[in-house]
Amino acid sequence: MGLWGFLAVAVIFGCLLEAYRVYAKSKSRTSKADVERLEARLAGLESSGNLEERVRALEAIVTDPKFQLDREISKLETPGGKSASG
């Protein structure tokens, strides 16, 4: 490989390296923005108390004896004990 071949490989390698650096930099910027957006959303949910109310409502539904009975009846009604939706 002569001088021109070496220069061509060096230029191609340099371009690929720079392209990877730009890609990595933009990817890290995007992920930081996503994390900040999710943290702000979580803080908003926690401060409003809405999240805690939702969890309590779900706990009440799941621990309700009627809900448990309905699930057991649904299992008996479908062949093989599998739910109709899945």
Protein backbone atom coordinates (compact mmCIF):
# COMPACT_ATOMS: atom_id res chain seq x y z
CA MET A 1 0.00 0.00 0.00
CA GLY A 2 1.41 3.28 -1.06
CA LEU A 3 1.16 6.77 0.33
CA TRP A 4 -2.22 7.45 -1.31
CA GLY A 5 -3.72 4.24 0.06
CA PHE A 6 -2.53 5.12 3.55
CA LEU A 7 -3.99 8.63 3.28
CA ALA A 8 -7.31 7.27 2.01
CA VAL A 9 -7.57 4.82 4.94
CA ALA A 10 -6.64 7.58 7.41
CA VAL A 11 -9.28 9.96 6.02
CA ILE A 12 -12.00 7.29 6.04
CA PHE A 13 -11.07 6.27 9.58
CA GLY A 14 -11.11 9.91 10.72
CA CYS A 15 -14.55 10.48 9.19
CA LEU A 16 -15.96 7.36 10.83
CA LEU A 17 -14.51 8.36 14.19
CA GLU A 18 -16.00 11.86 13.99
CA ALA A 19 -19.39 10.46 12.92
CA TYR A 20 -19.39 8.15 15.95
CA ARG A 21 -18.48 11.02 18.29
CA VAL A 22 -21.37 13.13 16.96
CA TYR A 23 -23.76 10.17 17.32
CA ALA A 24 -22.66 9.43 20.91
CA LYS A 25 -22.93 13.10 21.89
CA SER A 26 -26.46 13.48 20.49
CA LYS A 27 -27.57 10.21 22.09
CA SER A 28 -26.39 11.30 25.55
CA ARG A 29 -28.11 14.68 25.13
CA THR A 30 -31.38 12.99 24.24
CA SER A 31 -31.25 10.59 27.16
CA LYS A 32 -30.54 13.42 29.61
CA ALA A 33 -33.54 15.34 28.30
CA ASP A 34 -35.73 12.25 28.63
CA VAL A 35 -34.58 11.68 32.20
CA GLU A 36 -35.28 15.31 33.13
CA ARG A 37 -38.73 15.15 31.52
CA LEU A 38 -39.61 11.94 33.39
CA GLU A 39 -38.30 13.32 36.69
CA ALA A 40 -40.46 16.42 36.27
CA ARG A 41 -43.51 14.29 35.48
CA LEU A 42 -42.89 12.08 38.52
CA ALA A 43 -42.45 15.12 40.76
CA GLY A 44 -45.74 16.52 39.47
CA LEU A 45 -47.57 13.27 40.15
CA GLU A 46 -46.10 12.96 43.62
CA SER A 47 -46.88 16.54 44.56
CA SER A 48 -50.48 16.36 43.39
CA GLY A 49 -51.18 13.19 45.37
CA ASN A 50 -52.86 11.78 42.29
CA LEU A 51 -50.44 8.86 42.08
CA GLU A 52 -51.09 7.80 45.66
CA GLU A 53 -54.85 7.97 45.11
CA ARG A 54 -54.56 5.77 42.03
CA VAL A 55 -52.53 3.16 43.89
CA ARG A 56 -55.05 3.10 46.72
CA ALA A 57 -57.93 2.70 44.28
CA LEU A 58 -56.17 -0.19 42.54
CA GLU A 59 -55.40 -1.85 45.87
CA ALA A 60 -59.06 -1.57 46.85
CA ILE A 61 -60.18 -3.15 43.57
CA VAL A 62 -57.71 -6.02 43.67
CA THR A 63 -58.31 -6.87 47.33
CA ASP A 64 -62.10 -6.69 46.95
CA PRO A 65 -63.61 -10.15 47.58
CA LYS A 66 -66.10 -9.69 44.73
CA PHE A 67 -63.23 -9.02 42.32
CA GLN A 68 -61.50 -12.22 43.46
CA LEU A 69 -64.72 -14.20 43.10
CA ASP A 70 -65.33 -12.81 39.60
CA ARG A 71 -61.84 -13.88 38.53
CA GLU A 72 -62.36 -17.38 39.88
CA ILE A 73 -65.72 -17.67 38.11
CA SER A 74 -64.18 -16.44 34.86
CA LYS A 75 -61.50 -19.13 35.12
CA LEU A 76 -64.16 -21.81 35.59
CA GLU A 77 -66.24 -20.58 32.62
CA THR A 78 -63.41 -20.72 30.08
CA PRO A 79 -62.02 -24.06 28.87
CA GLY A 80 -58.67 -24.93 30.40
CA GLY A 81 -59.00 -22.24 33.08
CA LYS A 82 -57.50 -19.56 30.85
CA SER A 83 -59.04 -16.13 30.56
CA ALA A 84 -60.89 -15.25 27.38
CA SER A 85 -58.66 -12.23 26.72
CA GLY A 86 -55.34 -14.01 26.84
